[in-house]
C-alpha atoms as a PDB file:
ATOM      1  CA  MET A   1      80.874  39.071 105.373  1.00  0.00           C
ATOM      2  CA  ARG A   2      83.058  37.151 102.809  1.00  0.00           C
ATOM      3  CA  SER A   3      83.839  38.554  99.382  1.00  0.00           C
ATOM      4  CA  ASN A   4      83.604  36.009  96.711  1.00  0.00           C
ATOM      5  CA  VAL A   5      85.438  36.506  93.249  1.00  0.00           C
ATOM      6  CA  MET A   6      83.612  35.244  89.981  1.00  0.00           C
ATOM      7  CA  PRO A   7      85.505  34.514  86.883  1.00  0.00           C
ATOM      8  CA  ALA A   8      85.525  37.269  84.177  1.00  0.00           C
ATOM      9  CA  LYS A   9      83.395  36.185  81.385  1.00  0.00           C
ATOM     10  CA  LYS A  10      84.296  36.980  77.502  1.00  0.00           C
ATOM     11  CA  PRO A  11      83.668  39.253  75.693  1.00  0.00           C
ATOM     12  CA  THR A  12      83.249  41.810  78.795  1.00  0.00           C
ATOM     13  CA  ASP A  13      86.510  41.014  80.582  1.00  0.00           C
ATOM     14  CA  GLN A  14      84.547  41.978  83.877  1.00  0.00           C
ATOM     15  CA  VAL A  15      85.481  41.069  86.989  1.00  0.00           C
ATOM     16  CA  LEU A  16      82.401  39.890  89.224  1.00  0.00           C
ATOM     17  CA  LEU A  17      82.574  40.306  93.009  1.00  0.00           C
ATOM     18  CA  SER A  18      79.856  39.282  95.672  1.00  0.00           C
ATOM     19  CA  LEU A  19      80.058  41.412  98.783  1.00  0.00           C
ATOM     20  CA  ASP A  20      77.984  39.047 100.869  1.00  0.00           C
ATOM     21  CA  GLU A  21      77.613  35.440 101.418  1.00  0.00           C
ATOM     22  CA  TYR A  22      75.566  34.542  98.227  1.00  0.00           C
ATOM     23  CA  LYS A  23      76.688  34.149  94.491  1.00  0.00           C
ATOM     24  CA  ALA A  24      77.422  37.595  92.840  1.00  0.00           C
ATOM     25  CA  PRO A  25      74.042  38.956  91.759  1.00  0.00           C
ATOM     26  CA  HIS A  26      74.718  39.511  88.046  1.00  0.00           C
ATOM     27  CA  THR A  27      74.882  35.628  87.664  1.00  0.00           C
ATOM     28  CA  GLU A  28      71.291  34.924  88.853  1.00  0.00           C
ATOM     29  CA  ALA A  29      69.519  38.291  88.947  1.00  0.00           C
ATOM     30  CA  LEU A  30      66.709  39.186  86.912  1.00  0.00           C
ATOM     31  CA  GLY A  31      69.161  40.831  84.176  1.00  0.00           C
ATOM     32  CA  TRP A  32      71.407  44.273  84.408  1.00  0.00           C
ATOM     33  CA  GLN A  33      69.305  46.928  83.195  1.00  0.00           C
ATOM     34  CA  TRP A  34      66.230  45.111  83.676  1.00  0.00           C
ATOM     35  CA  ALA A  35      66.516  43.951  86.921  1.00  0.00           C
ATOM     36  CA  TYR A  36      64.814  45.222  90.348  1.00  0.00           C
ATOM     37  CA  GLY A  37      67.613  47.455  92.234  1.00  0.00           C
ATOM     38  CA  CYS A  38      69.704  50.010  92.134  1.00  0.00           C
ATOM     39  CA  PHE A  39      73.550  51.115  91.185  1.00  0.00           C
ATOM     40  CA  GLU A  40      76.355  53.237  91.642  1.00  0.00           C
ATOM     41  CA  THR A  41      79.190  53.684  89.634  1.00  0.00           C
ATOM     42  CA  PHE A  42      82.693  55.162  90.323  1.00  0.00           C
ATOM     43  CA  PHE A  43      86.231  55.119  89.583  1.00  0.00           C
ATOM     44  CA  TRP A  44      88.712  52.984  91.675  1.00  0.00           C
ATOM     45  CA  ASN A  45      92.109  54.848  91.030  1.00  0.00           C
ATOM     46  CA  ARG A  46      94.993  53.250  92.953  1.00  0.00           C
ATOM     47  CA  GLY A  47      93.526  52.599  96.149  1.00  0.00           C
ATOM     48  CA  SER A  48      91.419  55.504  96.561  1.00  0.00           C
ATOM     49  CA  THR A  49      88.200  56.797  95.197  1.00  0.00           C
ATOM     50  CA  VAL A  50      86.563  60.265  94.839  1.00  0.00           C
ATOM     51  CA  ALA A  51      83.225  60.900  97.117  1.00  0.00           C
ATOM     52  CA  LEU A  52      82.738  57.587  97.903  1.00  0.00           C
ATOM     53  CA  GLY A  53      80.586  58.178 101.159  1.00  0.00           C
ATOM     54  CA  ARG A  54      78.189  60.170  98.712  1.00  0.00           C
ATOM     55  CA  HIS A  55      78.095  57.088  96.366  1.00  0.00           C
ATOM     56  CA  LEU A  56      77.253  54.763  99.610  1.00  0.00           C
ATOM     57  CA  GLU A  57      74.683  57.167 101.280  1.00  0.00           C
ATOM     58  CA  ARG A  58      72.906  57.363  97.736  1.00  0.00           C
ATOM     59  CA  PHE A  59      72.844  53.502  97.054  1.00  0.00           C
ATOM     60  CA  LEU A  60      71.651  52.793 100.390  1.00  0.00           C
ATOM     61  CA  ALA A  61      68.757  55.247 100.082  1.00  0.00           C
ATOM     62  CA  GLY A  62      68.235  54.016  96.975  1.00  0.00           C
ATOM     63  CA  CYS A  63      67.766  50.403  98.445  1.00  0.00           C
ATOM     64  CA  ARG A  64      65.240  51.769 101.200  1.00  0.00           C
ATOM     65  CA  SER A  65      63.396  53.573  98.377  1.00  0.00           C
ATOM     66  CA  LEU A  66      63.030  50.161  96.953  1.00  0.00           C
ATOM     67  CA  ASP A  67      62.038  48.307 100.039  1.00  0.00           C
ATOM     68  CA  MET A  68      65.095  46.320  99.826  1.00  0.00           C
ATOM     69  CA  GLU A  69      67.149  45.375 103.215  1.00  0.00           C
ATOM     70  CA  CYS A  70      70.707  46.037 102.570  1.00  0.00           C
ATOM     71  CA  ARG A  71      72.719  43.730 105.135  1.00  0.00           C
ATOM     72  CA  PHE A  72      75.606  46.665 105.527  1.00  0.00           C
ATOM     73  CA  ARG A  73      75.389  49.606 107.530  1.00  0.00           C
ATOM     74  CA  ARG A  74      77.103  52.529 105.436  1.00  0.00           C
ATOM     75  CA  GLU A  75      80.252  52.045 107.550  1.00  0.00           C
ATOM     76  CA  ASP A  76      80.189  48.156 107.087  1.00  0.00           C
ATOM     77  CA  LEU A  77      79.772  48.562 103.339  1.00  0.00           C
ATOM     78  CA  GLU A  78      82.870  50.873 102.737  1.00  0.00           C
ATOM     79  CA  GLU A  79      85.058  48.679 104.763  1.00  0.00           C
ATOM     80  CA  THR A  80      83.729  45.545 102.932  1.00  0.00           C
ATOM     81  CA  LEU A  81      83.912  47.295  99.644  1.00  0.00           C
ATOM     82  CA  ARG A  82      87.590  48.447 100.095  1.00  0.00           C
ATOM     83  CA  THR A  83      88.672  45.153 101.371  1.00  0.00           C
ATOM     84  CA  ALA A  84      87.375  43.395  98.157  1.00  0.00           C
ATOM     85  CA  LEU A  85      88.992  46.146  96.279  1.00  0.00           C
ATOM     86  CA  GLU A  86      92.327  45.581  98.019  1.00  0.00           C
ATOM     87  CA  PRO A  87      93.842  43.146  95.297  1.00  0.00           C
ATOM     88  CA  PHE A  88      93.186  45.681  92.834  1.00  0.00           C
ATOM     89  CA  ARG A  89      95.172  48.716  94.598  1.00  0.00           C
ATOM     90  CA  GLU A  90      97.685  49.372  91.467  1.00  0.00           C
ATOM     91  CA  LYS A  91      94.793  49.613  88.816  1.00  0.00           C
ATOM     92  CA  THR A  92      92.410  51.940  87.854  1.00  0.00           C
ATOM     93  CA  LEU A  93      88.898  50.440  87.567  1.00  0.00           C
ATOM     94  CA  ARG A  94      85.580  51.407  86.776  1.00  0.00           C
ATOM     95  CA  VAL A  95      83.727  50.015  89.542  1.00  0.00           C
ATOM     96  CA  ARG A  96      79.920  49.441  89.524  1.00  0.00           C
ATOM     97  CA  LEU A  97      78.002  48.780  93.124  1.00  0.00           C
ATOM     98  CA  GLU A  98      74.842  47.032  92.400  1.00  0.00           C
ATOM     99  CA  GLY A  99      72.081  45.885  95.011  1.00  0.00           C
ATOM    100  CA  VAL A 100      69.660  43.346  93.071  1.00  0.00           C
ATOM    101  CA  LEU A 101      66.436  41.817  94.269  1.00  0.00           C
ATOM    102  CA  ASP A 102      67.274  38.195  95.958  1.00  0.00           C
ATOM    103  CA  ASP A 103      64.402  36.500  95.178  1.00  0.00           C
ATOM    104  CA  PRO A 104      60.853  36.809  93.495  1.00  0.00           C
ATOM    105  CA  GLY A 105      59.628  38.556  96.549  1.00  0.00           C
ATOM    106  CA  LEU A 106      57.472  40.955  94.677  1.00  0.00           C
ATOM    107  CA  MET A 107      56.197  38.027  92.499  1.00  0.00           C
ATOM    108  CA  GLY A 108      55.497  35.879  95.124  1.00  0.00           C
ATOM    109  CA  GLY A 109      53.574  37.900  97.563  1.00  0.00           C
ATOM    110  CA  GLY A 110      56.182  38.502 100.045  1.00  0.00           C
ATOM    111  CA  SER A 111      56.181  41.812 102.259  1.00  0.00           C
ATOM    112  CA  PRO A 112      58.797  44.361 102.632  1.00  0.00           C
ATOM    113  CA  PRO A 113      61.522  44.606 103.401  1.00  0.00           C
ATOM    114  CA  PHE A 114      62.913  42.440 100.557  1.00  0.00           C
ATOM    115  CA  GLY A 115      65.896  40.598 100.549  1.00  0.00           C
ATOM    116  CA  MET A 116      68.776  41.612  97.991  1.00  0.00           C
ATOM    117  CA  ARG A 117      72.193  41.057  97.212  1.00  0.00           C
ATOM    118  CA  VAL A 118      75.388  43.015  96.697  1.00  0.00           C
ATOM    119  CA  GLY A 119      78.099  42.777  94.342  1.00  0.00           C
ATOM    120  CA  LEU A 120      80.416  44.600  92.244  1.00  0.00           C
ATOM    121  CA  ARG A 121      81.515  44.863  88.169  1.00  0.00           C
ATOM    122  CA  LEU A 122      84.784  45.715  87.627  1.00  0.00           C
ATOM    123  CA  VAL A 123      86.702  46.939  84.390  1.00  0.00           C
ATOM    124  CA  GLU A 124      90.125  48.357  84.065  1.00  0.00           C
ATOM    125  CA  CYS A 125      90.213  51.261  82.074  1.00  0.00           C
ATOM    126  CA  PRO A 126      91.849  54.735  82.022  1.00  0.00           C
ATOM    127  CA  ALA A 127      89.870  57.224  84.121  1.00  0.00           C
ATOM    128  CA  TYR A 128      87.997  60.304  82.452  1.00  0.00           C
ATOM    129  CA  GLN A 129      88.790  59.893  78.613  1.00  0.00           C
ATOM    130  CA  ARG A 130      87.476  62.941  77.025  1.00  0.00           C
ATOM    131  CA  LYS A 131      85.882  62.487  73.321  1.00  0.00           C
ATOM    132  CA  GLU A 132      86.649  64.872  70.729  1.00  0.00           C
ATOM    133  CA  PRO A 133      84.854  65.966  69.074  1.00  0.00           C
ATOM    134  CA  PHE A 134      81.888  65.508  71.472  1.00  0.00           C
ATOM    135  CA  ALA A 135      78.424  65.975  69.824  1.00  0.00           C
ATOM    136  CA  ALA A 136      75.092  66.069  71.356  1.00  0.00           C
ATOM    137  CA  CYS A 137      71.456  66.445  69.855  1.00  0.00           C
ATOM    138  CA  LEU A 138      68.262  68.133  71.494  1.00  0.00           C
ATOM    139  CA  LEU A 139      65.656  65.287  71.873  1.00  0.00           C
ATOM    140  CA  ASP A 140      62.370  66.255  70.692  1.00  0.00           C
ATOM    141  CA  PRO A 141      60.249  67.431  73.855  1.00  0.00           C
ATOM    142  CA  ASP A 142      57.432  64.839  73.064  1.00  0.00           C
ATOM    143  CA  ARG A 143      60.094  62.284  72.924  1.00  0.00           C
ATOM    144  CA  SER A 144      61.770  63.485  76.133  1.00  0.00           C
ATOM    145  CA  SER A 145      58.231  63.650  77.769  1.00  0.00           C
ATOM    146  CA  ARG A 146      58.041  59.796  77.768  1.00  0.00           C
ATOM    147  CA  LEU A 147      61.096  59.079  79.495  1.00  0.00           C
ATOM    148  CA  PRO A 148      60.194  58.697  83.488  1.00  0.00           C
ATOM    149  CA  THR A 149      61.395  61.296  85.912  1.00  0.00           C
ATOM    150  CA  MET A 150      64.694  60.320  87.749  1.00  0.00           C
ATOM    151  CA  PRO A 151      64.678  59.088  91.209  1.00  0.00           C
ATOM    152  CA  SER A 152      66.953  60.263  93.859  1.00  0.00           C
ATOM    153  CA  TYR A 153      69.161  57.201  93.137  1.00  0.00           C
ATOM    154  CA  LYS A 154      70.245  55.403  90.053  1.00  0.00           C
ATOM    155  CA  PRO A 155      67.853  52.496  89.170  1.00  0.00           C
ATOM    156  CA  LEU A 156      68.966  49.591  87.319  1.00  0.00           C
ATOM    157  CA  ASP A 157      65.987  50.242  85.344  1.00  0.00           C
ATOM    158  CA  TYR A 158      67.810  52.334  83.081  1.00  0.00           C
ATOM    159  CA  PHE A 159      67.317  50.770  79.752  1.00  0.00           C
ATOM    160  CA  GLN A 160      65.299  53.121  77.826  1.00  0.00           C
ATOM    161  CA  ARG A 161      67.714  56.100  78.608  1.00  0.00           C
ATOM    162  CA  ILE A 162      70.529  53.516  77.157  1.00  0.00           C
ATOM    163  CA  ARG A 163      68.306  52.431  74.197  1.00  0.00           C
ATOM    164  CA  ILE A 164      67.919  56.154  73.074  1.00  0.00           C
ATOM    165  CA  ARG A 165      71.573  57.005  73.400  1.00  0.00           C
ATOM    166  CA  ASN A 166      72.782  54.201  71.483  1.00  0.00           C
ATOM    167  CA  GLU A 167      69.760  55.735  68.780  1.00  0.00           C
ATOM    168  CA  MET A 168      71.667  58.626  69.091  1.00  0.00           C
ATOM    169  CA  ILE A 169      75.317  57.098  68.542  1.00  0.00           C
ATOM    170  CA  ARG A 170      74.117  55.425  65.499  1.00  0.00           C
ATOM    171  CA  GLU A 171      72.824  58.908  64.226  1.00  0.00           C
ATOM    172  CA  GLY A 172      76.346  60.337  64.766  1.00  0.00           C
ATOM    173  CA  PHE A 173      75.735  61.965  68.103  1.00  0.00           C
ATOM    174  CA  ASP A 174      77.216  60.981  71.542  1.00  0.00           C
ATOM    175  CA  GLU A 175      74.574  62.011  73.763  1.00  0.00           C
ATOM    176  CA  GLY A 176      70.706  63.293  73.773  1.00  0.00           C
ATOM    177  CA  ILE A 177      69.495  66.310  75.796  1.00  0.00           C
ATOM    178  CA  VAL A 178      66.258  65.776  77.754  1.00  0.00           C
ATOM    179  CA  MET A 179      63.606  68.892  77.729  1.00  0.00           C
ATOM    180  CA  THR A 180      60.262  69.253  79.204  1.00  0.00           C
ATOM    181  CA  ARG A 181      57.417  70.070  76.930  1.00  0.00           C
ATOM    182  CA  ASP A 182      57.562  73.963  78.161  1.00  0.00           C
ATOM    183  CA  LEU A 183      61.267  73.907  76.872  1.00  0.00           C
ATOM    184  CA  ARG A 184      63.083  73.346  80.130  1.00  0.00           C
ATOM    185  CA  VAL A 185      66.521  71.415  79.977  1.00  0.00           C
ATOM    186  CA  VAL A 186      66.849  68.250  82.431  1.00  0.00           C
ATOM    187  CA  SER A 187      69.634  66.697  81.634  1.00  0.00           C
ATOM    188  CA  ALA A 188      71.596  64.720  79.168  1.00  0.00           C
ATOM    189  CA  LEU A 189      70.099  60.853  78.830  1.00  0.00           C
ATOM    190  CA  THR A 190      72.797  59.603  80.945  1.00  0.00           C
ATOM    191  CA  SER A 191      74.573  62.616  82.796  1.00  0.00           C
ATOM    192  CA  ASN A 192      73.947  65.817  84.173  1.00  0.00           C
ATOM    193  CA  LEU A 193      74.608  69.007  82.280  1.00  0.00           C
ATOM    194  CA  PHE A 194      76.033  72.311  83.013  1.00  0.00           C
ATOM    195  CA  VAL A 195      75.870  75.415  80.660  1.00  0.00           C
ATOM    196  CA  ARG A 196      77.767  78.665  80.918  1.00  0.00           C
ATOM    197  CA  SER A 197      76.274  81.972  80.753  1.00  0.00           C
ATOM    198  CA  THR A 198      77.994  85.077  79.380  1.00  0.00           C
ATOM    199  CA  ASP A 199      78.873  86.276  82.984  1.00  0.00           C
ATOM    200  CA  GLY A 200      81.274  83.031  83.628  1.00  0.00           C
ATOM    201  CA  THR A 201      78.701  81.103  85.733  1.00  0.00           C
ATOM    202  CA  TRP A 202      78.096  77.733  85.125  1.00  0.00           C
ATOM    203  CA  LYS A 203      74.477  76.651  85.602  1.00  0.00           C
ATOM    204  CA  THR A 204      72.892  73.212  86.098  1.00  0.00           C
ATOM    205  CA  PRO A 205      68.905  72.142  86.282  1.00  0.00           C
ATOM    206  CA  PRO A 206      67.647  71.811  89.732  1.00  0.00           C
ATOM    207  CA  VAL A 207      66.781  68.230  90.986  1.00  0.00           C
ATOM    208  CA  ALA A 208      63.224  69.507  90.883  1.00  0.00           C
ATOM    209  CA  SER A 209      63.490  69.273  86.989  1.00  0.00           C
ATOM    210  CA  GLY A 210      63.788  65.512  86.971  1.00  0.00           C
ATOM    211  CA  CYS A 211      67.301  65.343  86.508  1.00  0.00           C
ATOM    212  CA  LEU A 212      69.454  62.729  88.626  1.00  0.00           C
ATOM    213  CA  PRO A 213      71.317  64.414  91.817  1.00  0.00           C
ATOM    214  CA  GLY A 214      74.337  63.102  90.343  1.00  0.00           C
ATOM    215  CA  VAL A 215      77.605  63.058  92.677  1.00  0.00           C
ATOM    216  CA  THR A 216      79.992  64.659  90.379  1.00  0.00           C
ATOM    217  CA  ARG A 217      77.074  67.381  90.102  1.00  0.00           C
ATOM    218  CA  SER A 218      76.983  67.865  93.811  1.00  0.00           C
ATOM    219  CA  LEU A 219      80.541  68.222  93.984  1.00  0.00           C
ATOM    220  CA  LEU A 220      80.984  71.097  91.428  1.00  0.00           C
ATOM    221  CA  LEU A 221      78.289  72.815  93.213  1.00  0.00           C
ATOM    222  CA  ASP A 222      79.846  72.246  96.752  1.00  0.00           C
ATOM    223  CA  PHE A 223      83.589  72.983  95.692  1.00  0.00           C
ATOM    224  CA  GLU A 224      85.318  76.047  94.598  1.00  0.00           C
ATOM    225  CA  THR A 225      85.682  75.614  90.972  1.00  0.00           C
ATOM    226  CA  PRO A 226      87.563  77.772  88.361  1.00  0.00           C
ATOM    227  CA  GLU A 227      84.152  79.659  87.447  1.00  0.00           C
ATOM    228  CA  PRO A 228      81.275  79.495  89.784  1.00  0.00           C
ATOM    229  CA  SER A 229      78.683  76.712  89.502  1.00  0.00           C
ATOM    230  CA  ILE A 230      75.105  76.997  90.722  1.00  0.00           C
ATOM    231  CA  GLU A 231      71.544  75.281  90.436  1.00  0.00           C
ATOM    232  CA  GLY A 232      68.722  76.949  88.247  1.00  0.00           C
ATOM    233  CA  THR A 233      66.380  76.751  85.736  1.00  0.00           C
ATOM    234  CA  VAL A 234      68.048  76.292  82.278  1.00  0.00           C
ATOM    235  CA  SER A 235      65.624  77.358  79.288  1.00  0.00           C
ATOM    236  CA  LEU A 236      66.103  76.152  75.635  1.00  0.00           C
ATOM    237  CA  HIS A 237      67.399  79.881  75.307  1.00  0.00           C
ATOM    238  CA  ASN A 238      70.274  79.296  77.786  1.00  0.00           C
ATOM    239  CA  LEU A 239      71.349  76.496  75.887  1.00  0.00           C
ATOM    240  CA  THR A 240      71.415  77.523  72.581  1.00  0.00           C
ATOM    241  CA  GLU A 241      73.014  80.781  73.625  1.00  0.00           C
ATOM    242  CA  ALA A 242      75.652  79.393  76.062  1.00  0.00           C
ATOM    243  CA  THR A 243      79.013  80.057  75.900  1.00  0.00           C
ATOM    244  CA  GLY A 244      80.192  76.781  77.111  1.00  0.00           C
ATOM    245  CA  ILE A 245      78.450  73.190  77.690  1.00  0.00           C
ATOM    246  CA  PHE A 246      80.179  70.093  79.298  1.00  0.00           C
ATOM    247  CA  LEU A 247      78.083  66.930  80.735  1.00  0.00           C
ATOM    248  CA  THR A 248      79.174  65.066  83.915  1.00  0.00           C
ATOM    249  CA  ASN A 249      78.692  61.761  85.824  1.00  0.00           C
ATOM    250  CA  SER A 250      81.096  59.646  87.903  1.00  0.00           C
ATOM    251  CA  SER A 251      82.016  57.610  84.907  1.00  0.00           C
ATOM    252  CA  ILE A 252      83.227  60.514  82.293  1.00  0.00           C
ATOM    253  CA  GLY A 253      84.171  63.292  84.606  1.00  0.00           C
ATOM    254  CA  ILE A 254      83.831  66.462  82.748  1.00  0.00           C
ATOM    255  CA  GLN A 255      82.962  66.190  79.369  1.00  0.00           C
ATOM    256  CA  PRO A 256      82.797  69.178  76.985  1.00  0.00           C
ATOM    257  CA  VAL A 257      80.759  69.442  74.227  1.00  0.00           C
ATOM    258  CA  HIS A 258      81.749  70.383  70.791  1.00  0.00           C
ATOM    259  CA  ARG A 259      78.951  70.564  68.743  1.00  0.00           C
ATOM    260  CA  LEU A 260      74.854  70.768  69.794  1.00  0.00           C
ATOM    261  CA  GLU A 261      72.305  70.070  67.045  1.00  0.00           C
ATOM    262  CA  VAL A 262      69.021  71.536  67.911  1.00  0.00           C
ATOM    263  CA  ASP A 263      66.972  70.952  65.048  1.00  0.00           C
ATOM    264  CA  GLU A 264      67.824  68.395  62.342  1.00  0.00           C
ATOM    265  CA  GLY A 265      70.389  69.520  60.516  1.00  0.00           C
ATOM    266  CA  SER A 266      71.104  72.785  62.127  1.00  0.00           C
ATOM    267  CA  ALA A 267      73.876  72.356  64.585  1.00  0.00           C
ATOM    268  CA  ILE A 268      75.832  75.178  66.771  1.00  0.00           C
ATOM    269  CA  GLU A 269      79.499  74.738  67.349  1.00  0.00           C
ATOM    270  CA  ILE A 270      80.483  75.613  71.146  1.00  0.00           C
ATOM    271  CA  GLY A 271      83.369  76.851  72.461  1.00  0.00           C
ATOM    272  CA  ILE A 272      85.595  74.511  74.873  1.00  0.00           C
ATOM    273  CA  ASP A 273      87.970  76.622  76.333  1.00  0.00           C
ATOM    274  CA  SER A 274      86.157  77.102  79.604  1.00  0.00           C
ATOM    275  CA  SER A 275      84.722  73.795  79.720  1.00  0.00           C
ATOM    276  CA  GLU A 276      88.277  72.468  79.209  1.00  0.00           C
ATOM    277  CA  LYS A 277      89.432  74.502  82.175  1.00  0.00           C
ATOM    278  CA  MET A 278      86.802  72.856  84.130  1.00  0.00           C
ATOM    279  CA  ALA A 279      87.521  69.419  83.163  1.00  0.00           C
ATOM    280  CA  ASP A 280      91.087  70.117  83.659  1.00  0.00           C
ATOM    281  CA  TRP A 281      90.355  70.953  87.451  1.00  0.00           C
ATOM    282  CA  TYR A 282      88.118  68.150  88.017  1.00  0.00           C
ATOM    283  CA  GLU A 283      90.787  65.431  86.726  1.00  0.00           C
ATOM    284  CA  GLU A 284      93.594  67.131  88.622  1.00  0.00           C
ATOM    285  CA  TRP A 285      91.563  67.393  91.656  1.00  0.00           C
ATOM    286  CA  PHE A 286      90.510  63.646  91.274  1.00  0.00           C
ATOM    287  CA  LEU A 287      93.898  62.207  90.639  1.00  0.00           C
ATOM    288  CA  GLY A 288      94.967  64.010  94.025  1.00  0.00           C
ATOM    289  CA  ASN A 289      92.448  62.356  95.998  1.00  0.00           C
END
């Protein structure tokens, strides 16, 4: 399969690459956050990336769930992706791998599996820049409950969460925390969430709660971290009594939360010493891989 470079379009300064014989999907697809498809985001750090296999496995699982026929086996997709990124070996990039519906098969009465296009968006940027101070706001349970449960892959139809996060930013926050009606914590709008208990254990809500099974989340659960990380139910009480909170995904790494607003005008200052140690460990581990 050949790889086609599409010129970057201002003002985004993105480089668009196609991983198959078609044009990059971003030029003719139904639209970025509105398209029918799935995506994965990760950092390309001077010729390597962390947990690429996990990202590709989740990407291909998403394609299958959406009845889209990916033209690549996992091994072929990894080889083609690395070949496409080879010219950027000395750069640090945020990479977004996208699988997008190729034609209006759903609208035209076609039968699955539907055709698709596979492409990349590349943006050069430093890896894992922590924001300080970082403020999160607990979403009203009724508002949270209207958000669809995350599937086991990243759908392109992510707009509703992005829109609410943008509202949070305009209100002076960096993220919103999603809860169920019975006051169980699920995740942040676009990140997984870990809370630290008084015994020094970090807990993240189970996938059954409705959160995305994040790749970075899985790494923290699978590897030996400075303090133990486990999966388990996180209540509102656990959140407000936490001795540390951080958010995580493949774009931000580990982002300590400094302040949490539970009710309008009522904020809790969160200790960050432990979450900073976790973030330092992760970034050192990332740079070493």
